[in-house]
């Protein structure tokens, strides 16, 4: 198992659906067993359908990267929270707690 550096909890319609983690090799995303057992469970995106096995990638999953603000709002987030604009995972954890739509990301201590 790879060492995890930071992780976020992925909620779909206020239900804990999965965990995204930063690792030595990149990133992993896996759905929780509890969420997979729900009759109304849906995938977080078409590119990350429901399954028990974790997804792994060397770059931040495009779906999650797409949740991060862009343009002037990205500048505001970086300045206010003192996050480097290249720290995509840090931006995801800080700026995606209350996204438009069904998905939000919360940090470990929230």
PDB file of N, CA and C in Angstrom:
ATOM      1  N   UNK A   1       0.843  -1.192   0.000  1.00  0.00           N
ATOM      2  CA  UNK A   1       0.000   0.000   0.000  1.00  0.00           C
ATOM      3  C   UNK A   1       0.877   1.239   0.000  1.00  0.00           C
ATOM      4  N   UNK A   2       0.497   2.211  -0.802  1.00  0.00           N
ATOM      5  CA  UNK A   2       1.238   3.456  -0.887  1.00  0.00           C
ATOM      6  C   UNK A   2       0.952   4.329   0.327  1.00  0.00           C
ATOM      7  N   UNK A   3       1.940   5.129   0.699  1.00  0.00           N
ATOM      8  CA  UNK A   3       1.737   6.073   1.795  1.00  0.00           C
ATOM      9  C   UNK A   3       0.814   7.191   1.338  1.00  0.00           C
ATOM     10  N   UNK A   4      -0.104   7.575   2.197  1.00  0.00           N
ATOM     11  CA  UNK A   4      -1.005   8.687   1.906  1.00  0.00           C
ATOM     12  C   UNK A   4      -0.460   9.950   2.552  1.00  0.00           C
ATOM     13  N   UNK A   5      -0.513  11.039   1.813  1.00  0.00           N
ATOM     14  CA  UNK A   5      -0.083  12.328   2.345  1.00  0.00           C
ATOM     15  C   UNK A   5      -1.271  13.119   2.878  1.00  0.00           C
ATOM     16  N   UNK A   6      -2.199  13.428   2.005  1.00  0.00           N
ATOM     17  CA  UNK A   6      -3.411  14.153   2.395  1.00  0.00           C
ATOM     18  C   UNK A   6      -4.598  13.401   1.824  1.00  0.00           C
ATOM     19  N   UNK A   7      -5.746  13.571   2.468  1.00  0.00           N
ATOM     20  CA  UNK A   7      -6.940  12.950   1.901  1.00  0.00           C
ATOM     21  C   UNK A   7      -8.161  13.813   2.123  1.00  0.00           C
ATOM     22  N   UNK A   8      -9.141  13.578   1.272  1.00  0.00           N
ATOM     23  CA  UNK A   8     -10.399  14.292   1.351  1.00  0.00           C
ATOM     24  C   UNK A   8     -11.553  13.318   1.276  1.00  0.00           C
ATOM     25  N   UNK A   9     -12.645  13.704   1.884  1.00  0.00           N
ATOM     26  CA  UNK A   9     -13.846  12.873   1.906  1.00  0.00           C
ATOM     27  C   UNK A   9     -14.821  13.430   0.880  1.00  0.00           C
ATOM     28  N   UNK A  10     -15.240  12.572  -0.025  1.00  0.00           N
ATOM     29  CA  UNK A  10     -16.090  12.976  -1.140  1.00  0.00           C
ATOM     30  C   UNK A  10     -17.543  12.677  -0.787  1.00  0.00           C
ATOM     31  N   UNK A  11     -18.364  13.704  -0.805  1.00  0.00           N
ATOM     32  CA  UNK A  11     -19.787  13.569  -0.489  1.00  0.00           C
ATOM     33  C   UNK A  11     -20.609  13.780  -1.754  1.00  0.00           C
ATOM     34  N   UNK A  12     -21.607  12.924  -1.936  1.00  0.00           N
ATOM     35  CA  UNK A  12     -22.577  13.084  -3.011  1.00  0.00           C
ATOM     36  C   UNK A  12     -23.936  13.239  -2.346  1.00  0.00           C
ATOM     37  N   UNK A  13     -24.603  14.350  -2.594  1.00  0.00           N
ATOM     38  CA  UNK A  13     -25.890  14.659  -1.965  1.00  0.00           C
ATOM     39  C   UNK A  13     -25.840  14.445  -0.452  1.00  0.00           C
ATOM     40  N   UNK A  14     -24.787  14.950   0.167  1.00  0.00           N
ATOM     41  CA  UNK A  14     -24.581  14.906   1.619  1.00  0.00           C
ATOM     42  C   UNK A  14     -24.356  13.509   2.185  1.00  0.00           C
ATOM     43  N   UNK A  15     -24.060  12.525   1.347  1.00  0.00           N
ATOM     44  CA  UNK A  15     -23.724  11.173   1.802  1.00  0.00           C
ATOM     45  C   UNK A  15     -22.249  10.929   1.511  1.00  0.00           C
ATOM     46  N   UNK A  16     -21.511  10.430   2.511  1.00  0.00           N
ATOM     47  CA  UNK A  16     -20.109  10.102   2.277  1.00  0.00           C
ATOM     48  C   UNK A  16     -20.040   9.015   1.213  1.00  0.00           C
ATOM     49  N   UNK A  17     -19.435   9.337   0.087  1.00  0.00           N
ATOM     50  CA  UNK A  17     -19.392   8.406  -1.040  1.00  0.00           C
ATOM     51  C   UNK A  17     -18.025   7.774  -1.226  1.00  0.00           C
ATOM     52  N   UNK A  18     -16.966   8.504  -0.911  1.00  0.00           N
ATOM     53  CA  UNK A  18     -15.641   7.953  -1.156  1.00  0.00           C
ATOM     54  C   UNK A  18     -14.550   8.799  -0.544  1.00  0.00           C
ATOM     55  N   UNK A  19     -13.331   8.344  -0.771  1.00  0.00           N
ATOM     56  CA  UNK A  19     -12.155   9.028  -0.245  1.00  0.00           C
ATOM     57  C   UNK A  19     -11.167   9.221  -1.387  1.00  0.00           C
ATOM     58  N   UNK A  20     -10.696  10.452  -1.519  1.00  0.00           N
ATOM     59  CA  UNK A  20      -9.642  10.752  -2.478  1.00  0.00           C
ATOM     60  C   UNK A  20      -8.383  11.032  -1.675  1.00  0.00           C
ATOM     61  N   UNK A  21      -7.262  10.459  -2.111  1.00  0.00           N
ATOM     62  CA  UNK A  21      -6.024  10.599  -1.345  1.00  0.00           C
ATOM     63  C   UNK A  21      -4.858  10.928  -2.264  1.00  0.00           C
ATOM     64  N   UNK A  22      -3.960  11.729  -1.736  1.00  0.00           N
ATOM     65  CA  UNK A  22      -2.701  12.026  -2.408  1.00  0.00           C
ATOM     66  C   UNK A  22      -1.691  10.996  -1.912  1.00  0.00           C
ATOM     67  N   UNK A  23      -0.963  10.365  -2.825  1.00  0.00           N
ATOM     68  CA  UNK A  23      -0.002   9.322  -2.459  1.00  0.00           C
ATOM     69  C   UNK A  23       1.374   9.640  -3.043  1.00  0.00           C
ATOM     70  N   UNK A  24       2.331   8.773  -2.766  1.00  0.00           N
ATOM     71  CA  UNK A  24       3.673   8.931  -3.331  1.00  0.00           C
ATOM     72  C   UNK A  24       3.642   8.903  -4.854  1.00  0.00           C
ATOM     73  N   UNK A  25       2.755   8.096  -5.410  1.00  0.00           N
ATOM     74  CA  UNK A  25       2.691   7.899  -6.859  1.00  0.00           C
ATOM     75  C   UNK A  25       1.705   8.820  -7.561  1.00  0.00           C
ATOM     76  N   UNK A  26       0.863   9.514  -6.835  1.00  0.00           N
ATOM     77  CA  UNK A  26      -0.145  10.371  -7.454  1.00  0.00           C
ATOM     78  C   UNK A  26      -1.380  10.478  -6.587  1.00  0.00           C
ATOM     79  N   UNK A  27      -2.488   9.867  -7.055  1.00  0.00           N
ATOM     80  CA  UNK A  27      -3.768   9.989  -6.351  1.00  0.00           C
ATOM     81  C   UNK A  27      -4.555   8.691  -6.442  1.00  0.00           C
ATOM     82  N   UNK A  28      -5.381   8.456  -5.431  1.00  0.00           N
ATOM     83  CA  UNK A  28      -6.312   7.331  -5.462  1.00  0.00           C
ATOM     84  C   UNK A  28      -7.703   7.851  -5.110  1.00  0.00           C
ATOM     85  N   UNK A  29      -8.698   7.172  -5.619  1.00  0.00           N
ATOM     86  CA  UNK A  29     -10.079   7.449  -5.236  1.00  0.00           C
ATOM     87  C   UNK A  29     -10.777   6.115  -5.089  1.00  0.00           C
ATOM     88  N   UNK A  30     -11.495   5.950  -3.984  1.00  0.00           N
ATOM     89  CA  UNK A  30     -12.268   4.719  -3.791  1.00  0.00           C
ATOM     90  C   UNK A  30     -13.592   5.058  -3.122  1.00  0.00           C
ATOM     91  N   UNK A  31     -14.618   4.336  -3.537  1.00  0.00           N
ATOM     92  CA  UNK A  31     -15.937   4.474  -2.927  1.00  0.00           C
ATOM     93  C   UNK A  31     -15.950   3.718  -1.609  1.00  0.00           C
ATOM     94  N   UNK A  32     -16.706   4.203  -0.638  1.00  0.00           N
ATOM     95  CA  UNK A  32     -16.834   3.497   0.635  1.00  0.00           C
ATOM     96  C   UNK A  32     -17.787   2.314   0.459  1.00  0.00           C
ATOM     97  N   UNK A  33     -17.569   1.284   1.247  1.00  0.00           N
ATOM     98  CA  UNK A  33     -18.453   0.104   1.199  1.00  0.00           C
ATOM     99  C   UNK A  33     -19.889   0.490   1.533  1.00  0.00           C
ATOM    100  N   UNK A  34     -20.047   1.380   2.509  1.00  0.00           N
ATOM    101  CA  UNK A  34     -21.388   1.807   2.909  1.00  0.00           C
ATOM    102  C   UNK A  34     -22.112   2.480   1.747  1.00  0.00           C
ATOM    103  N   UNK A  35     -21.391   3.313   1.014  1.00  0.00           N
ATOM    104  CA  UNK A  35     -22.021   4.003  -0.110  1.00  0.00           C
ATOM    105  C   UNK A  35     -22.369   3.014  -1.222  1.00  0.00           C
ATOM    106  N   UNK A  36     -21.497   2.085  -1.501  1.00  0.00           N
ATOM    107  CA  UNK A  36     -21.756   1.102  -2.557  1.00  0.00           C
ATOM    108  C   UNK A  36     -22.987   0.249  -2.251  1.00  0.00           C
ATOM    109  N   UNK A  37     -23.321   0.086  -0.978  1.00  0.00           N
ATOM    110  CA  UNK A  37     -24.491  -0.712  -0.588  1.00  0.00           C
ATOM    111  C   UNK A  37     -25.802   0.052  -0.739  1.00  0.00           C
ATOM    112  N   UNK A  38     -25.724   1.367  -0.890  1.00  0.00           N
ATOM    113  CA  UNK A  38     -26.942   2.176  -1.010  1.00  0.00           C
ATOM    114  C   UNK A  38     -27.647   1.866  -2.327  1.00  0.00           C
ATOM    115  N   UNK A  39     -28.957   1.754  -2.283  1.00  0.00           N
ATOM    116  CA  UNK A  39     -29.739   1.504  -3.503  1.00  0.00           C
ATOM    117  C   UNK A  39     -29.728   2.709  -4.440  1.00  0.00           C
ATOM    118  N   UNK A  40     -29.563   3.904  -3.869  1.00  0.00           N
ATOM    119  CA  UNK A  40     -29.560   5.113  -4.688  1.00  0.00           C
ATOM    120  C   UNK A  40     -28.151   5.612  -5.023  1.00  0.00           C
ATOM    121  N   UNK A  41     -27.141   4.764  -4.830  1.00  0.00           N
ATOM    122  CA  UNK A  41     -25.761   5.164  -5.099  1.00  0.00           C
ATOM    123  C   UNK A  41     -25.556   5.450  -6.585  1.00  0.00           C
ATOM    124  N   UNK A  42     -24.861   6.540  -6.853  1.00  0.00           N
ATOM    125  CA  UNK A  42     -24.486   6.899  -8.222  1.00  0.00           C
ATOM    126  C   UNK A  42     -22.996   7.218  -8.232  1.00  0.00           C
ATOM    127  N   UNK A  43     -22.377   7.046  -9.372  1.00  0.00           N
ATOM    128  CA  UNK A  43     -20.964   7.377  -9.492  1.00  0.00           C
ATOM    129  C   UNK A  43     -20.739   8.874  -9.383  1.00  0.00           C
ATOM    130  N   UNK A  44     -19.585   9.239  -8.925  1.00  0.00           N
ATOM    131  CA  UNK A  44     -19.247  10.653  -8.782  1.00  0.00           C
ATOM    132  C   UNK A  44     -19.176  11.322 -10.159  1.00  0.00           C
ATOM    133  N   UNK A  45     -18.833  10.551 -11.180  1.00  0.00           N
ATOM    134  CA  UNK A  45     -18.819  11.050 -12.561  1.00  0.00           C
ATOM    135  C   UNK A  45     -18.881   9.855 -13.503  1.00  0.00           C
ATOM    136  N   UNK A  46     -19.118  10.121 -14.776  1.00  0.00           N
ATOM    137  CA  UNK A  46     -19.130   9.036 -15.762  1.00  0.00           C
ATOM    138  C   UNK A  46     -17.757   8.395 -15.899  1.00  0.00           C
ATOM    139  N   UNK A  47     -16.712   9.154 -15.614  1.00  0.00           N
ATOM    140  CA  UNK A  47     -15.351   8.625 -15.725  1.00  0.00           C
ATOM    141  C   UNK A  47     -14.915   7.843 -14.492  1.00  0.00           C
ATOM    142  N   UNK A  48     -15.708   7.899 -13.421  1.00  0.00           N
ATOM    143  CA  UNK A  48     -15.411   7.169 -12.182  1.00  0.00           C
ATOM    144  C   UNK A  48     -16.657   6.409 -11.738  1.00  0.00           C
ATOM    145  N   UNK A  49     -17.088   5.414 -12.532  1.00  0.00           N
ATOM    146  CA  UNK A  49     -18.300   4.672 -12.172  1.00  0.00           C
ATOM    147  C   UNK A  49     -18.117   3.881 -10.879  1.00  0.00           C
ATOM    148  N   UNK A  50     -19.233   3.487 -10.292  1.00  0.00           N
ATOM    149  CA  UNK A  50     -19.195   2.712  -9.050  1.00  0.00           C
ATOM    150  C   UNK A  50     -18.416   1.417  -9.254  1.00  0.00           C
ATOM    151  N   UNK A  51     -17.525   1.120  -8.304  1.00  0.00           N
ATOM    152  CA  UNK A  51     -16.806  -0.156  -8.263  1.00  0.00           C
ATOM    153  C   UNK A  51     -16.096  -0.262  -6.922  1.00  0.00           C
ATOM    154  N   UNK A  52     -15.766  -1.469  -6.540  1.00  0.00           N
ATOM    155  CA  UNK A  52     -15.102  -1.699  -5.255  1.00  0.00           C
ATOM    156  C   UNK A  52     -13.603  -1.387  -5.302  1.00  0.00           C
ATOM    157  N   UNK A  53     -12.974  -1.632  -6.427  1.00  0.00           N
ATOM    158  CA  UNK A  53     -11.534  -1.416  -6.545  1.00  0.00           C
ATOM    159  C   UNK A  53     -11.230   0.081  -6.595  1.00  0.00           C
ATOM    160  N   UNK A  54     -10.125   0.488  -5.976  1.00  0.00           N
ATOM    161  CA  UNK A  54      -9.762   1.905  -6.021  1.00  0.00           C
ATOM    162  C   UNK A  54      -9.271   2.314  -7.416  1.00  0.00           C
ATOM    163  N   UNK A  55      -9.501   3.554  -7.747  1.00  0.00           N
ATOM    164  CA  UNK A  55      -8.948   4.150  -8.961  1.00  0.00           C
ATOM    165  C   UNK A  55      -7.601   4.757  -8.596  1.00  0.00           C
ATOM    166  N   UNK A  56      -6.637   4.676  -9.501  1.00  0.00           N
ATOM    167  CA  UNK A  56      -5.315   5.259  -9.266  1.00  0.00           C
ATOM    168  C   UNK A  56      -4.897   6.056 -10.489  1.00  0.00           C
ATOM    169  N   UNK A  57      -4.183   7.149 -10.258  1.00  0.00           N
ATOM    170  CA  UNK A  57      -3.706   7.989 -11.356  1.00  0.00           C
ATOM    171  C   UNK A  57      -2.476   8.767 -10.895  1.00  0.00           C
ATOM    172  N   UNK A  58      -1.671   9.198 -11.850  1.00  0.00           N
ATOM    173  CA  UNK A  58      -0.487   9.986 -11.503  1.00  0.00           C
ATOM    174  C   UNK A  58      -0.788  11.481 -11.467  1.00  0.00           C
ATOM    175  N   UNK A  59      -1.913  11.892 -12.067  1.00  0.00           N
ATOM    176  CA  UNK A  59      -2.342  13.293 -12.019  1.00  0.00           C
ATOM    177  C   UNK A  59      -3.707  13.341 -11.341  1.00  0.00           C
ATOM    178  N   UNK A  60      -4.081  14.503 -10.861  1.00  0.00           N
ATOM    179  CA  UNK A  60      -5.385  14.626 -10.211  1.00  0.00           C
ATOM    180  C   UNK A  60      -6.475  14.257 -11.210  1.00  0.00           C
ATOM    181  N   UNK A  61      -7.410  13.429 -10.780  1.00  0.00           N
ATOM    182  CA  UNK A  61      -8.500  12.996 -11.650  1.00  0.00           C
ATOM    183  C   UNK A  61      -9.151  14.224 -12.291  1.00  0.00           C
ATOM    184  N   UNK A  62      -9.363  14.214 -13.608  1.00  0.00           N
ATOM    185  CA  UNK A  62      -9.942  15.381 -14.280  1.00  0.00           C
ATOM    186  C   UNK A  62     -11.270  15.842 -13.681  1.00  0.00           C
ATOM    187  N   UNK A  63     -12.117  14.913 -13.245  1.00  0.00           N
ATOM    188  CA  UNK A  63     -13.386  15.333 -12.646  1.00  0.00           C
ATOM    189  C   UNK A  63     -13.139  16.220 -11.432  1.00  0.00           C
ATOM    190  N   UNK A  64     -12.246  15.789 -10.536  1.00  0.00           N
ATOM    191  CA  UNK A  64     -11.976  16.560  -9.325  1.00  0.00           C
ATOM    192  C   UNK A  64     -11.247  17.860  -9.652  1.00  0.00           C
ATOM    193  N   UNK A  65     -10.326  17.825 -10.599  1.00  0.00           N
ATOM    194  CA  UNK A  65      -9.631  19.037 -11.010  1.00  0.00           C
ATOM    195  C   UNK A  65     -10.620  20.065 -11.558  1.00  0.00           C
ATOM    196  N   UNK A  66     -11.667  19.582 -12.213  1.00  0.00           N
ATOM    197  CA  UNK A  66     -12.682  20.469 -12.767  1.00  0.00           C
ATOM    198  C   UNK A  66     -13.530  21.174 -11.721  1.00  0.00           C
ATOM    199  N   UNK A  67     -13.511  20.703 -10.486  1.00  0.00           N
ATOM    200  CA  UNK A  67     -14.258  21.357  -9.410  1.00  0.00           C
ATOM    201  C   UNK A  67     -13.544  22.605  -8.888  1.00  0.00           C
ATOM    202  N   UNK A  68     -12.242  22.695  -9.136  1.00  0.00           N
ATOM    203  CA  UNK A  68     -11.426  23.796  -8.612  1.00  0.00           C
ATOM    204  C   UNK A  68     -11.754  25.089  -9.364  1.00  0.00           C
ATOM    205  N   UNK A  69     -11.903  26.200  -8.639  1.00  0.00           N
ATOM    206  CA  UNK A  69     -12.207  27.476  -9.299  1.00  0.00           C
ATOM    207  C   UNK A  69     -11.142  27.855 -10.331  1.00  0.00           C
ATOM    208  N   UNK A  70     -11.549  28.697 -11.273  1.00  0.00           N
ATOM    209  CA  UNK A  70     -10.643  29.177 -12.319  1.00  0.00           C
ATOM    210  C   UNK A  70     -10.644  30.698 -12.342  1.00  0.00           C
ATOM    211  N   UNK A  71      -9.744  31.248 -13.129  1.00  0.00           N
ATOM    212  CA  UNK A  71      -9.714  32.688 -13.380  1.00  0.00           C
ATOM    213  C   UNK A  71      -9.520  33.518 -12.127  1.00  0.00           C
ATOM    214  N   UNK A  72     -10.266  34.619 -12.047  1.00  0.00           N
ATOM    215  CA  UNK A  72     -10.097  35.554 -10.932  1.00  0.00           C
ATOM    216  C   UNK A  72     -10.444  34.904  -9.596  1.00  0.00           C
ATOM    217  N   UNK A  73     -11.408  33.973  -9.596  1.00  0.00           N
ATOM    218  CA  UNK A  73     -11.782  33.317  -8.346  1.00  0.00           C
ATOM    219  C   UNK A  73     -10.645  32.429  -7.835  1.00  0.00           C
ATOM    220  N   UNK A  74      -9.912  31.800  -8.744  1.00  0.00           N
ATOM    221  CA  UNK A  74      -8.737  31.019  -8.343  1.00  0.00           C
ATOM    222  C   UNK A  74      -7.718  31.933  -7.674  1.00  0.00           C
ATOM    223  N   UNK A  75      -7.528  33.120  -8.232  1.00  0.00           N
ATOM    224  CA  UNK A  75      -6.610  34.081  -7.625  1.00  0.00           C
ATOM    225  C   UNK A  75      -7.030  34.470  -6.220  1.00  0.00           C
ATOM    226  N   UNK A  76      -8.321  34.675  -6.022  1.00  0.00           N
ATOM    227  CA  UNK A  76      -8.846  35.018  -4.696  1.00  0.00           C
ATOM    228  C   UNK A  76      -8.578  33.876  -3.715  1.00  0.00           C
ATOM    229  N   UNK A  77      -8.864  32.648  -4.137  1.00  0.00           N
ATOM    230  CA  UNK A  77      -8.650  31.474  -3.276  1.00  0.00           C
ATOM    231  C   UNK A  77      -7.175  31.356  -2.904  1.00  0.00           C
ATOM    232  N   UNK A  78      -6.296  31.479  -3.882  1.00  0.00           N
ATOM    233  CA  UNK A  78      -4.858  31.345  -3.626  1.00  0.00           C
ATOM    234  C   UNK A  78      -4.356  32.419  -2.666  1.00  0.00           C
ATOM    235  N   UNK A  79      -4.808  33.647  -2.858  1.00  0.00           N
ATOM    236  CA  UNK A  79      -4.382  34.741  -1.977  1.00  0.00           C
ATOM    237  C   UNK A  79      -4.937  34.589  -0.567  1.00  0.00           C
ATOM    238  N   UNK A  80      -6.229  34.342  -0.451  1.00  0.00           N
ATOM    239  CA  UNK A  80      -6.866  34.296   0.867  1.00  0.00           C
ATOM    240  C   UNK A  80      -6.413  33.115   1.705  1.00  0.00           C
ATOM    241  N   UNK A  81      -6.217  31.964   1.073  1.00  0.00           N
ATOM    242  CA  UNK A  81      -5.835  30.768   1.826  1.00  0.00           C
ATOM    243  C   UNK A  81      -4.352  30.443   1.698  1.00  0.00           C
ATOM    244  N   UNK A  82      -3.623  31.324   0.983  1.00  0.00           N
ATOM    245  CA  UNK A  82      -2.174  31.165   0.819  1.00  0.00           C
ATOM    246  C   UNK A  82      -1.816  29.769   0.294  1.00  0.00           C
ATOM    247  N   UNK A  83      -2.481  29.408  -0.812  1.00  0.00           N
ATOM    248  CA  UNK A  83      -2.247  28.116  -1.456  1.00  0.00           C
ATOM    249  C   UNK A  83      -1.628  28.372  -2.818  1.00  0.00           C
ATOM    250  N   UNK A  84      -0.572  27.659  -3.123  1.00  0.00           N
ATOM    251  CA  UNK A  84       0.061  27.759  -4.436  1.00  0.00           C
ATOM    252  C   UNK A  84      -0.914  27.275  -5.502  1.00  0.00           C
ATOM    253  N   UNK A  85      -1.043  28.010  -6.595  1.00  0.00           N
ATOM    254  CA  UNK A  85      -1.999  27.633  -7.639  1.00  0.00           C
ATOM    255  C   UNK A  85      -1.643  26.306  -8.290  1.00  0.00           C
ATOM    256  N   UNK A  86      -0.415  25.818  -8.112  1.00  0.00           N
ATOM    257  CA  UNK A  86      -0.026  24.510  -8.643  1.00  0.00           C
ATOM    258  C   UNK A  86      -0.333  23.368  -7.680  1.00  0.00           C
ATOM    259  N   UNK A  87      -0.736  23.687  -6.461  1.00  0.00           N
ATOM    260  CA  UNK A  87      -1.118  22.663  -5.477  1.00  0.00           C
ATOM    261  C   UNK A  87      -2.595  22.326  -5.692  1.00  0.00           C
ATOM    262  N   UNK A  88      -2.864  21.548  -6.722  1.00  0.00           N
ATOM    263  CA  UNK A  88      -4.241  21.253  -7.115  1.00  0.00           C
ATOM    264  C   UNK A  88      -4.994  20.513  -6.009  1.00  0.00           C
ATOM    265  N   UNK A  89      -4.322  19.599  -5.315  1.00  0.00           N
ATOM    266  CA  UNK A  89      -5.003  18.857  -4.258  1.00  0.00           C
ATOM    267  C   UNK A  89      -5.325  19.774  -3.081  1.00  0.00           C
ATOM    268  N   UNK A  90      -4.401  20.653  -2.727  1.00  0.00           N
ATOM    269  CA  UNK A  90      -4.666  21.629  -1.669  1.00  0.00           C
ATOM    270  C   UNK A  90      -5.829  22.537  -2.023  1.00  0.00           C
ATOM    271  N   UNK A  91      -5.901  22.948  -3.283  1.00  0.00           N
ATOM    272  CA  UNK A  91      -7.021  23.771  -3.745  1.00  0.00           C
ATOM    273  C   UNK A  91      -8.325  22.994  -3.679  1.00  0.00           C
ATOM    274  N   UNK A  92      -8.284  21.720  -4.069  1.00  0.00           N
ATOM    275  CA  UNK A  92      -9.483  20.880  -4.010  1.00  0.00           C
ATOM    276  C   UNK A  92     -10.005  20.798  -2.577  1.00  0.00           C
ATOM    277  N   UNK A  93      -9.104  20.556  -1.623  1.00  0.00           N
ATOM    278  CA  UNK A  93      -9.516  20.419  -0.224  1.00  0.00           C
ATOM    279  C   UNK A  93     -10.017  21.737   0.365  1.00  0.00           C
ATOM    280  N   UNK A  94      -9.464  22.845  -0.079  1.00  0.00           N
ATOM    281  CA  UNK A  94      -9.829  24.140   0.502  1.00  0.00           C
ATOM    282  C   UNK A  94     -11.030  24.799  -0.156  1.00  0.00           C
ATOM    283  N   UNK A  95     -11.137  24.672  -1.473  1.00  0.00           N
ATOM    284  CA  UNK A  95     -12.128  25.456  -2.208  1.00  0.00           C
ATOM    285  C   UNK A  95     -13.351  24.668  -2.649  1.00  0.00           C
ATOM    286  N   UNK A  96     -13.392  23.377  -2.392  1.00  0.00           N
ATOM    287  CA  UNK A  96     -14.493  22.561  -2.933  1.00  0.00           C
ATOM    288  C   UNK A  96     -15.373  21.958  -1.843  1.00  0.00           C
ATOM    289  N   UNK A  97     -15.515  22.677  -0.747  1.00  0.00           N
ATOM    290  CA  UNK A  97     -16.349  22.200   0.361  1.00  0.00           C
ATOM    291  C   UNK A  97     -17.829  22.420   0.105  1.00  0.00           C
ATOM    292  N   UNK A  98     -18.141  23.371  -0.762  1.00  0.00           N
ATOM    293  CA  UNK A  98     -19.539  23.703  -1.050  1.00  0.00           C
ATOM    294  C   UNK A  98     -19.671  24.053  -2.527  1.00  0.00           C
ATOM    295  N   UNK A  99     -19.502  23.056  -3.369  1.00  0.00           N
ATOM    296  CA  UNK A  99     -19.542  23.259  -4.824  1.00  0.00           C
ATOM    297  C   UNK A  99     -20.978  23.334  -5.325  1.00  0.00           C
ATOM    298  N   UNK A 100     -21.125  23.891  -6.513  1.00  0.00           N
ATOM    299  CA  UNK A 100     -22.407  23.834  -7.206  1.00  0.00           C
ATOM    300  C   UNK A 100     -22.591  22.391  -7.657  1.00  0.00           C
ATOM    301  N   UNK A 101     -23.758  21.831  -7.427  1.00  0.00           N
ATOM    302  CA  UNK A 101     -24.008  20.446  -7.817  1.00  0.00           C
ATOM    303  C   UNK A 101     -24.050  19.516  -6.622  1.00  0.00           C
ATOM    304  N   UNK A 102     -23.960  18.237  -6.897  1.00  0.00           N
ATOM    305  CA  UNK A 102     -24.148  17.213  -5.867  1.00  0.00           C
ATOM    306  C   UNK A 102     -22.895  16.848  -5.087  1.00  0.00           C
ATOM    307  N   UNK A 103     -21.725  17.237  -5.563  1.00  0.00           N
ATOM    308  CA  UNK A 103     -20.466  16.755  -4.993  1.00  0.00           C
ATOM    309  C   UNK A 103     -19.783  17.843  -4.182  1.00  0.00           C
ATOM    310  N   UNK A 104     -19.247  17.467  -3.019  1.00  0.00           N
ATOM    311  CA  UNK A 104     -18.387  18.363  -2.249  1.00  0.00           C
ATOM    312  C   UNK A 104     -17.269  17.537  -1.629  1.00  0.00           C
ATOM    313  N   UNK A 105     -16.181  18.211  -1.308  1.00  0.00           N
ATOM    314  CA  UNK A 105     -14.995  17.558  -0.756  1.00  0.00           C
ATOM    315  C   UNK A 105     -14.714  18.185   0.603  1.00  0.00           C
ATOM    316  N   UNK A 106     -14.526  17.358   1.604  1.00  0.00           N
ATOM    317  CA  UNK A 106     -14.197  17.853   2.941  1.00  0.00           C
ATOM    318  C   UNK A 106     -12.874  17.247   3.387  1.00  0.00           C
ATOM    319  N   UNK A 107     -12.114  18.029   4.146  1.00  0.00           N
ATOM    320  CA  UNK A 107     -10.836  17.564   4.660  1.00  0.00           C
ATOM    321  C   UNK A 107     -11.014  16.615   5.835  1.00  0.00           C
ATOM    322  N   UNK A 108      -9.902  16.106   6.317  1.00  0.00           N
ATOM    323  CA  UNK A 108      -9.932  15.123   7.408  1.00  0.00           C
ATOM    324  C   UNK A 108     -10.507  15.678   8.701  1.00  0.00           C
ATOM    325  N   UNK A 109     -10.315  16.956   8.963  1.00  0.00           N
ATOM    326  CA  UNK A 109     -10.728  17.536  10.247  1.00  0.00           C
ATOM    327  C   UNK A 109     -12.028  18.313  10.165  1.00  0.00           C
ATOM    328  N   UNK A 110     -12.866  17.990   9.200  1.00  0.00           N
ATOM    329  CA  UNK A 110     -14.112  18.757   9.044  1.00  0.00           C
ATOM    330  C   UNK A 110     -15.327  17.905   9.287  1.00  0.00           C
TER     331      UNK A 110
END
